[in-house]
């Protein structure tokens, strides 16, 4: 199935990630967080037989799952305040970006993000995938009318880091929602890290950071990033798209939120 020529095919990621996830899901019987308790299970009846079926994606025990406050309230970010000169254009119609995170940037989720993003520790990936699977698919969105756009990185940062963590996580979000990935935006800046910057510094750092290289294949664009603090990156990405395609409907999602 395609959307204006876009094949509903999952973005290919290195085999080591896939093998690591398969090992955990099919061979490991204990929680990926505490590594002590078995993964949580529920029992359900099927054709008269009582079966035990692992839930929470075979990855985390009930106690560790309960340690986080999943799906906190959405974060509304005003776009019209970021670029006042655009208020008479698309932003006057779409003047706020709604961001839904899976959980706050605390506890074992914060540790797992740091270990995967900066150290490429494969043992952290199942925890992050578990968090992704707490995000419900947006209402009314499906593989025929929506695409996921992961926040792109620069070629320089990719060369230094050696891999693209947000793209890897977006692959698993695509699997979870059954919505294809779209790679129609590139990052053209070579700005430094956003870490440690306040809201205004982050906005300035992200100014003119993205370029659309391909027309969106559908109206619903679901932006994704790993960590949202001020929302400057996602808002810059949304504004870049809205400037060229003002009728686009945009929602944003992240693994964690530290605002």
C-alpha atoms as a PDB file:
ATOM      1  CA  UNK A   1       0.000   0.000   0.000  1.00  0.00           C
ATOM      2  CA  UNK A   2       1.305   3.463  -0.852  1.00  0.00           C
ATOM      3  CA  UNK A   3       0.515   7.090  -0.066  1.00  0.00           C
ATOM      4  CA  UNK A   4       1.186   9.167  -3.195  1.00  0.00           C
ATOM      5  CA  UNK A   5       4.009   6.825  -4.094  1.00  0.00           C
ATOM      6  CA  UNK A   6       5.286   6.389  -0.539  1.00  0.00           C
ATOM      7  CA  UNK A   7       5.564   2.701   0.233  1.00  0.00           C
ATOM      8  CA  UNK A   8       4.384   1.571   3.658  1.00  0.00           C
ATOM      9  CA  UNK A   9       7.735  -0.014   4.364  1.00  0.00           C
ATOM     10  CA  UNK A  10       9.543   0.257   7.667  1.00  0.00           C
ATOM     11  CA  UNK A  11      12.797   2.164   7.634  1.00  0.00           C
ATOM     12  CA  UNK A  12      15.676  -0.279   7.673  1.00  0.00           C
ATOM     13  CA  UNK A  13      17.833  -0.191  10.805  1.00  0.00           C
ATOM     14  CA  UNK A  14      21.041  -2.114  11.608  1.00  0.00           C
ATOM     15  CA  UNK A  15      20.533  -5.801  12.319  1.00  0.00           C
ATOM     16  CA  UNK A  16      22.168  -5.526  15.741  1.00  0.00           C
ATOM     17  CA  UNK A  17      19.188  -3.550  17.036  1.00  0.00           C
ATOM     18  CA  UNK A  18      16.718  -6.077  15.683  1.00  0.00           C
ATOM     19  CA  UNK A  19      18.679  -9.010  17.072  1.00  0.00           C
ATOM     20  CA  UNK A  20      18.959  -7.332  20.461  1.00  0.00           C
ATOM     21  CA  UNK A  21      15.214  -6.753  20.630  1.00  0.00           C
ATOM     22  CA  UNK A  22      14.408 -10.296  19.506  1.00  0.00           C
ATOM     23  CA  UNK A  23      16.723 -11.735  22.161  1.00  0.00           C
ATOM     24  CA  UNK A  24      15.010  -9.741  24.890  1.00  0.00           C
ATOM     25  CA  UNK A  25      11.462 -10.407  23.712  1.00  0.00           C
ATOM     26  CA  UNK A  26      11.822 -14.118  23.109  1.00  0.00           C
ATOM     27  CA  UNK A  27      14.609 -15.307  25.415  1.00  0.00           C
ATOM     28  CA  UNK A  28      14.831 -12.970  28.379  1.00  0.00           C
ATOM     29  CA  UNK A  29      12.252 -13.646  31.078  1.00  0.00           C
ATOM     30  CA  UNK A  30      13.133 -10.925  33.553  1.00  0.00           C
ATOM     31  CA  UNK A  31      12.489  -7.188  33.598  1.00  0.00           C
ATOM     32  CA  UNK A  32      14.847  -5.051  31.501  1.00  0.00           C
ATOM     33  CA  UNK A  33      14.941  -2.408  34.233  1.00  0.00           C
ATOM     34  CA  UNK A  34      15.482  -4.207  37.558  1.00  0.00           C
ATOM     35  CA  UNK A  35      16.654  -7.495  36.017  1.00  0.00           C
ATOM     36  CA  UNK A  36      15.159  -9.289  39.007  1.00  0.00           C
ATOM     37  CA  UNK A  37      11.430  -9.729  38.614  1.00  0.00           C
ATOM     38  CA  UNK A  38       9.760 -11.510  35.716  1.00  0.00           C
ATOM     39  CA  UNK A  39       7.937  -9.487  33.125  1.00  0.00           C
ATOM     40  CA  UNK A  40       4.319  -8.830  34.032  1.00  0.00           C
ATOM     41  CA  UNK A  41       1.716 -11.209  32.685  1.00  0.00           C
ATOM     42  CA  UNK A  42      -2.038 -11.366  32.444  1.00  0.00           C
ATOM     43  CA  UNK A  43      -4.252 -14.391  32.124  1.00  0.00           C
ATOM     44  CA  UNK A  44      -7.087 -14.624  29.645  1.00  0.00           C
ATOM     45  CA  UNK A  45      -9.413 -17.386  28.506  1.00  0.00           C
ATOM     46  CA  UNK A  46      -9.399 -18.631  24.927  1.00  0.00           C
ATOM     47  CA  UNK A  47     -11.665 -21.441  23.770  1.00  0.00           C
ATOM     48  CA  UNK A  48     -12.115 -22.631  27.314  1.00  0.00           C
ATOM     49  CA  UNK A  49      -8.419 -22.781  28.105  1.00  0.00           C
ATOM     50  CA  UNK A  50      -6.676 -20.433  30.506  1.00  0.00           C
ATOM     51  CA  UNK A  51      -3.588 -18.989  28.846  1.00  0.00           C
ATOM     52  CA  UNK A  52      -0.917 -16.744  30.244  1.00  0.00           C
ATOM     53  CA  UNK A  53       0.137 -13.953  27.917  1.00  0.00           C
ATOM     54  CA  UNK A  54       2.966 -11.473  28.671  1.00  0.00           C
ATOM     55  CA  UNK A  55       1.939  -7.832  28.466  1.00  0.00           C
ATOM     56  CA  UNK A  56       3.866  -4.553  28.562  1.00  0.00           C
ATOM     57  CA  UNK A  57       5.635  -5.936  25.469  1.00  0.00           C
ATOM     58  CA  UNK A  58       7.531  -8.704  27.309  1.00  0.00           C
ATOM     59  CA  UNK A  59       9.981  -6.106  28.537  1.00  0.00           C
ATOM     60  CA  UNK A  60       9.227  -4.626  31.984  1.00  0.00           C
ATOM     61  CA  UNK A  61       7.841  -5.932  35.260  1.00  0.00           C
ATOM     62  CA  UNK A  62       4.725  -4.446  36.810  1.00  0.00           C
ATOM     63  CA  UNK A  63       6.614  -2.719  39.656  1.00  0.00           C
ATOM     64  CA  UNK A  64       9.040  -0.938  37.344  1.00  0.00           C
ATOM     65  CA  UNK A  65       6.238   0.023  34.988  1.00  0.00           C
ATOM     66  CA  UNK A  66       4.389   1.652  37.872  1.00  0.00           C
ATOM     67  CA  UNK A  67       7.461   3.707  38.812  1.00  0.00           C
ATOM     68  CA  UNK A  68       6.765   6.177  36.004  1.00  0.00           C
ATOM     69  CA  UNK A  69       3.843   8.525  35.456  1.00  0.00           C
ATOM     70  CA  UNK A  70       2.892   7.486  31.935  1.00  0.00           C
ATOM     71  CA  UNK A  71       1.242   9.863  29.464  1.00  0.00           C
ATOM     72  CA  UNK A  72       1.438  13.173  31.362  1.00  0.00           C
ATOM     73  CA  UNK A  73      -0.718  16.089  30.241  1.00  0.00           C
ATOM     74  CA  UNK A  74       0.035  17.391  26.762  1.00  0.00           C
ATOM     75  CA  UNK A  75       2.241  20.432  26.374  1.00  0.00           C
ATOM     76  CA  UNK A  76       0.910  23.314  24.248  1.00  0.00           C
ATOM     77  CA  UNK A  77       3.573  25.428  22.573  1.00  0.00           C
ATOM     78  CA  UNK A  78       2.559  28.701  20.944  1.00  0.00           C
ATOM     79  CA  UNK A  79       4.002  28.990  17.468  1.00  0.00           C
ATOM     80  CA  UNK A  80       2.783  32.534  16.848  1.00  0.00           C
ATOM     81  CA  UNK A  81       4.999  33.782  19.689  1.00  0.00           C
ATOM     82  CA  UNK A  82       8.060  32.215  18.149  1.00  0.00           C
ATOM     83  CA  UNK A  83       7.803  34.014  14.794  1.00  0.00           C
ATOM     84  CA  UNK A  84       5.507  37.059  15.002  1.00  0.00           C
ATOM     85  CA  UNK A  85       6.094  37.986  11.371  1.00  0.00           C
ATOM     86  CA  UNK A  86       4.281  34.806  10.318  1.00  0.00           C
ATOM     87  CA  UNK A  87       1.062  35.450  12.266  1.00  0.00           C
ATOM     88  CA  UNK A  88      -0.713  36.638   9.100  1.00  0.00           C
ATOM     89  CA  UNK A  89       0.259  33.449   7.303  1.00  0.00           C
ATOM     90  CA  UNK A  90      -0.166  29.787   8.191  1.00  0.00           C
ATOM     91  CA  UNK A  91       0.513  30.284  11.879  1.00  0.00           C
ATOM     92  CA  UNK A  92      -2.689  32.321  12.245  1.00  0.00           C
ATOM     93  CA  UNK A  93      -4.601  29.140  11.383  1.00  0.00           C
ATOM     94  CA  UNK A  94      -2.348  26.681  13.213  1.00  0.00           C
ATOM     95  CA  UNK A  95      -1.019  28.704  16.131  1.00  0.00           C
ATOM     96  CA  UNK A  96      -0.070  26.019  18.656  1.00  0.00           C
ATOM     97  CA  UNK A  97       1.786  22.739  18.639  1.00  0.00           C
ATOM     98  CA  UNK A  98       0.509  19.970  20.913  1.00  0.00           C
ATOM     99  CA  UNK A  99       3.240  17.714  22.279  1.00  0.00           C
ATOM    100  CA  UNK A 100       2.469  14.393  23.956  1.00  0.00           C
ATOM    101  CA  UNK A 101       5.261  12.587  25.769  1.00  0.00           C
ATOM    102  CA  UNK A 102       5.302   9.006  26.987  1.00  0.00           C
ATOM    103  CA  UNK A 103       6.623   9.970  30.432  1.00  0.00           C
ATOM    104  CA  UNK A 104       8.581  12.626  32.339  1.00  0.00           C
ATOM    105  CA  UNK A 105      12.353  12.731  31.843  1.00  0.00           C
ATOM    106  CA  UNK A 106      13.121  11.046  35.158  1.00  0.00           C
ATOM    107  CA  UNK A 107      14.069   7.759  36.774  1.00  0.00           C
ATOM    108  CA  UNK A 108      15.158   4.804  34.645  1.00  0.00           C
ATOM    109  CA  UNK A 109      13.747   6.332  31.459  1.00  0.00           C
ATOM    110  CA  UNK A 110      16.163   9.261  31.682  1.00  0.00           C
ATOM    111  CA  UNK A 111      19.058   6.884  32.325  1.00  0.00           C
ATOM    112  CA  UNK A 112      18.071   4.661  29.395  1.00  0.00           C
ATOM    113  CA  UNK A 113      17.831   7.623  27.009  1.00  0.00           C
ATOM    114  CA  UNK A 114      21.292   8.870  28.014  1.00  0.00           C
ATOM    115  CA  UNK A 115      22.829   5.402  27.742  1.00  0.00           C
ATOM    116  CA  UNK A 116      21.354   4.765  24.309  1.00  0.00           C
ATOM    117  CA  UNK A 117      21.758   8.236  22.839  1.00  0.00           C
ATOM    118  CA  UNK A 118      25.293   8.969  23.965  1.00  0.00           C
ATOM    119  CA  UNK A 119      26.778   5.510  24.602  1.00  0.00           C
ATOM    120  CA  UNK A 120      24.755   3.358  22.154  1.00  0.00           C
ATOM    121  CA  UNK A 121      24.094   0.786  24.846  1.00  0.00           C
ATOM    122  CA  UNK A 122      21.807  -1.789  23.286  1.00  0.00           C
ATOM    123  CA  UNK A 123      20.593  -2.895  26.723  1.00  0.00           C
ATOM    124  CA  UNK A 124      18.764   0.452  27.022  1.00  0.00           C
ATOM    125  CA  UNK A 125      16.799   0.039  23.783  1.00  0.00           C
ATOM    126  CA  UNK A 126      14.117  -2.378  25.110  1.00  0.00           C
ATOM    127  CA  UNK A 127      13.295   0.078  27.910  1.00  0.00           C
ATOM    128  CA  UNK A 128      12.840   2.869  25.369  1.00  0.00           C
ATOM    129  CA  UNK A 129      10.715   0.651  23.134  1.00  0.00           C
ATOM    130  CA  UNK A 130       8.543  -0.154  26.137  1.00  0.00           C
ATOM    131  CA  UNK A 131       8.069   3.581  26.691  1.00  0.00           C
ATOM    132  CA  UNK A 132       7.206   4.131  23.026  1.00  0.00           C
ATOM    133  CA  UNK A 133       4.499   1.504  23.257  1.00  0.00           C
ATOM    134  CA  UNK A 134       2.713   3.535  25.899  1.00  0.00           C
ATOM    135  CA  UNK A 135       1.970   6.210  23.279  1.00  0.00           C
ATOM    136  CA  UNK A 136      -1.483   5.555  21.790  1.00  0.00           C
ATOM    137  CA  UNK A 137      -1.841   6.008  18.055  1.00  0.00           C
ATOM    138  CA  UNK A 138      -3.340   9.458  17.357  1.00  0.00           C
ATOM    139  CA  UNK A 139      -7.093   9.339  16.893  1.00  0.00           C
ATOM    140  CA  UNK A 140      -8.082   9.245  13.239  1.00  0.00           C
ATOM    141  CA  UNK A 141      -4.545   8.599  12.048  1.00  0.00           C
ATOM    142  CA  UNK A 142      -3.525   5.430  10.236  1.00  0.00           C
ATOM    143  CA  UNK A 143      -1.129   4.193   7.603  1.00  0.00           C
ATOM    144  CA  UNK A 144      -3.286   5.516   4.790  1.00  0.00           C
ATOM    145  CA  UNK A 145      -3.525   9.152   5.866  1.00  0.00           C
ATOM    146  CA  UNK A 146      -0.506   9.870   8.094  1.00  0.00           C
ATOM    147  CA  UNK A 147       3.280   9.680   8.258  1.00  0.00           C
ATOM    148  CA  UNK A 148       5.828   9.913  11.058  1.00  0.00           C
ATOM    149  CA  UNK A 149       8.672  12.405  10.735  1.00  0.00           C
ATOM    150  CA  UNK A 150      11.582  11.816  13.113  1.00  0.00           C
ATOM    151  CA  UNK A 151      13.599  14.906  13.968  1.00  0.00           C
ATOM    152  CA  UNK A 152      16.540  14.734  11.546  1.00  0.00           C
ATOM    153  CA  UNK A 153      20.149  15.276  12.542  1.00  0.00           C
ATOM    154  CA  UNK A 154      23.013  16.890  10.677  1.00  0.00           C
ATOM    155  CA  UNK A 155      25.541  14.945   8.616  1.00  0.00           C
ATOM    156  CA  UNK A 156      28.285  16.190  10.932  1.00  0.00           C
ATOM    157  CA  UNK A 157      26.530  14.976  14.075  1.00  0.00           C
ATOM    158  CA  UNK A 158      25.753  11.644  12.423  1.00  0.00           C
ATOM    159  CA  UNK A 159      29.419  11.212  11.486  1.00  0.00           C
ATOM    160  CA  UNK A 160      30.569  12.031  15.023  1.00  0.00           C
ATOM    161  CA  UNK A 161      27.963   9.908  16.817  1.00  0.00           C
ATOM    162  CA  UNK A 162      28.012   7.062  14.324  1.00  0.00           C
ATOM    163  CA  UNK A 163      24.283   6.402  14.435  1.00  0.00           C
ATOM    164  CA  UNK A 164      20.970   8.254  14.555  1.00  0.00           C
ATOM    165  CA  UNK A 165      19.168   7.371  17.822  1.00  0.00           C
ATOM    166  CA  UNK A 166      15.931   9.228  17.043  1.00  0.00           C
ATOM    167  CA  UNK A 167      15.642   7.430  13.692  1.00  0.00           C
ATOM    168  CA  UNK A 168      16.077   4.055  15.419  1.00  0.00           C
ATOM    169  CA  UNK A 169      13.362   4.887  17.954  1.00  0.00           C
ATOM    170  CA  UNK A 170      11.064   6.192  15.206  1.00  0.00           C
ATOM    171  CA  UNK A 171      11.387   2.820  13.502  1.00  0.00           C
ATOM    172  CA  UNK A 172       9.836   1.141  16.543  1.00  0.00           C
ATOM    173  CA  UNK A 173       7.166   3.828  16.853  1.00  0.00           C
ATOM    174  CA  UNK A 174       6.296   3.162  13.210  1.00  0.00           C
ATOM    175  CA  UNK A 175       5.926  -0.533  13.994  1.00  0.00           C
ATOM    176  CA  UNK A 176       3.798   0.242  17.043  1.00  0.00           C
ATOM    177  CA  UNK A 177       1.408   2.606  15.255  1.00  0.00           C
ATOM    178  CA  UNK A 178       1.557   0.867  11.854  1.00  0.00           C
ATOM    179  CA  UNK A 179       2.182   4.268  10.263  1.00  0.00           C
ATOM    180  CA  UNK A 180       5.061   4.732   7.789  1.00  0.00           C
ATOM    181  CA  UNK A 181       8.070   6.954   8.230  1.00  0.00           C
ATOM    182  CA  UNK A 182       8.690   9.936   5.967  1.00  0.00           C
ATOM    183  CA  UNK A 183      12.122  11.451   5.383  1.00  0.00           C
ATOM    184  CA  UNK A 184      11.208  14.630   3.529  1.00  0.00           C
ATOM    185  CA  UNK A 185      13.027  17.112   5.799  1.00  0.00           C
ATOM    186  CA  UNK A 186      16.756  17.513   6.369  1.00  0.00           C
ATOM    187  CA  UNK A 187      18.653  19.409   9.017  1.00  0.00           C
ATOM    188  CA  UNK A 188      20.906  21.989   7.427  1.00  0.00           C
ATOM    189  CA  UNK A 189      22.434  23.692  10.433  1.00  0.00           C
ATOM    190  CA  UNK A 190      25.488  22.678  12.359  1.00  0.00           C
ATOM    191  CA  UNK A 191      24.263  24.108  15.632  1.00  0.00           C
ATOM    192  CA  UNK A 192      25.681  22.890  18.874  1.00  0.00           C
ATOM    193  CA  UNK A 193      23.867  20.756  21.390  1.00  0.00           C
ATOM    194  CA  UNK A 194      20.612  22.072  22.857  1.00  0.00           C
ATOM    195  CA  UNK A 195      21.584  20.727  26.259  1.00  0.00           C
ATOM    196  CA  UNK A 196      21.879  23.434  28.926  1.00  0.00           C
ATOM    197  CA  UNK A 197      20.292  26.222  26.853  1.00  0.00           C
ATOM    198  CA  UNK A 198      17.225  28.161  27.965  1.00  0.00           C
ATOM    199  CA  UNK A 199      14.101  28.537  25.813  1.00  0.00           C
ATOM    200  CA  UNK A 200      15.207  31.672  23.924  1.00  0.00           C
ATOM    201  CA  UNK A 201      18.695  30.304  23.335  1.00  0.00           C
ATOM    202  CA  UNK A 202      17.245  27.062  22.004  1.00  0.00           C
ATOM    203  CA  UNK A 203      14.921  28.941  19.649  1.00  0.00           C
ATOM    204  CA  UNK A 204      17.810  31.017  18.319  1.00  0.00           C
ATOM    205  CA  UNK A 205      19.934  27.891  17.991  1.00  0.00           C
ATOM    206  CA  UNK A 206      17.251  26.200  15.880  1.00  0.00           C
ATOM    207  CA  UNK A 207      16.488  29.162  13.608  1.00  0.00           C
ATOM    208  CA  UNK A 208      16.535  28.104   9.949  1.00  0.00           C
ATOM    209  CA  UNK A 209      17.638  24.634  11.003  1.00  0.00           C
ATOM    210  CA  UNK A 210      15.477  22.553   8.660  1.00  0.00           C
ATOM    211  CA  UNK A 211      14.752  22.337   4.956  1.00  0.00           C
ATOM    212  CA  UNK A 212      11.862  20.522   3.279  1.00  0.00           C
ATOM    213  CA  UNK A 213      13.182  18.496   0.334  1.00  0.00           C
ATOM    214  CA  UNK A 214      10.007  16.611  -0.552  1.00  0.00           C
ATOM    215  CA  UNK A 215       6.312  17.406  -0.562  1.00  0.00           C
ATOM    216  CA  UNK A 216       4.463  15.726   2.322  1.00  0.00           C
ATOM    217  CA  UNK A 217       2.563  12.692   1.002  1.00  0.00           C
ATOM    218  CA  UNK A 218      -0.472  13.369   3.189  1.00  0.00           C
ATOM    219  CA  UNK A 219      -1.994  16.017   5.450  1.00  0.00           C
ATOM    220  CA  UNK A 220      -1.296  14.412   8.846  1.00  0.00           C
ATOM    221  CA  UNK A 221       2.320  14.748   9.948  1.00  0.00           C
ATOM    222  CA  UNK A 222       3.333  13.207  13.284  1.00  0.00           C
ATOM    223  CA  UNK A 223       6.598  14.705  14.500  1.00  0.00           C
ATOM    224  CA  UNK A 224       8.785  12.669  16.850  1.00  0.00           C
ATOM    225  CA  UNK A 225      11.783  13.457  19.050  1.00  0.00           C
ATOM    226  CA  UNK A 226      13.387  11.598  21.925  1.00  0.00           C
ATOM    227  CA  UNK A 227      13.463  14.334  24.585  1.00  0.00           C
ATOM    228  CA  UNK A 228      11.509  17.606  24.675  1.00  0.00           C
ATOM    229  CA  UNK A 229      12.555  20.359  27.075  1.00  0.00           C
ATOM    230  CA  UNK A 230      11.379  23.698  25.695  1.00  0.00           C
ATOM    231  CA  UNK A 231       9.970  22.330  22.434  1.00  0.00           C
ATOM    232  CA  UNK A 232      12.259  24.572  20.352  1.00  0.00           C
ATOM    233  CA  UNK A 233      13.360  21.801  17.992  1.00  0.00           C
ATOM    234  CA  UNK A 234       9.881  20.468  17.292  1.00  0.00           C
ATOM    235  CA  UNK A 235       8.427  23.968  16.942  1.00  0.00           C
ATOM    236  CA  UNK A 236      11.134  24.928  14.428  1.00  0.00           C
ATOM    237  CA  UNK A 237      10.410  21.769  12.485  1.00  0.00           C
ATOM    238  CA  UNK A 238       6.660  22.443  12.547  1.00  0.00           C
ATOM    239  CA  UNK A 239       7.110  26.051  11.407  1.00  0.00           C
ATOM    240  CA  UNK A 240       9.352  24.972   8.538  1.00  0.00           C
ATOM    241  CA  UNK A 241       6.616  22.644   7.296  1.00  0.00           C
ATOM    242  CA  UNK A 242       3.760  25.101   7.860  1.00  0.00           C
ATOM    243  CA  UNK A 243       5.537  27.884   5.993  1.00  0.00           C
ATOM    244  CA  UNK A 244       5.438  25.788   2.821  1.00  0.00           C
ATOM    245  CA  UNK A 245       2.363  23.656   3.466  1.00  0.00           C
ATOM    246  CA  UNK A 246      -0.038  25.697   5.647  1.00  0.00           C
ATOM    247  CA  UNK A 247      -2.873  23.154   5.403  1.00  0.00           C
ATOM    248  CA  UNK A 248      -0.794  20.468   7.050  1.00  0.00           C
ATOM    249  CA  UNK A 249      -2.093  19.029  10.319  1.00  0.00           C
ATOM    250  CA  UNK A 250       0.786  18.517  12.739  1.00  0.00           C
ATOM    251  CA  UNK A 251       1.010  16.709  16.071  1.00  0.00           C
ATOM    252  CA  UNK A 252       4.193  16.082  18.042  1.00  0.00           C
ATOM    253  CA  UNK A 253       5.331  13.235  20.268  1.00  0.00           C
ATOM    254  CA  UNK A 254       8.358  12.410  22.379  1.00  0.00           C
ATOM    255  CA  UNK A 255       9.689   9.709  24.655  1.00  0.00           C
ATOM    256  CA  UNK A 256      10.122  12.088  27.558  1.00  0.00           C
ATOM    257  CA  UNK A 257       9.421  15.667  28.539  1.00  0.00           C
ATOM    258  CA  UNK A 258      11.542  17.732  30.886  1.00  0.00           C
ATOM    259  CA  UNK A 259       9.676  21.077  30.867  1.00  0.00           C
END
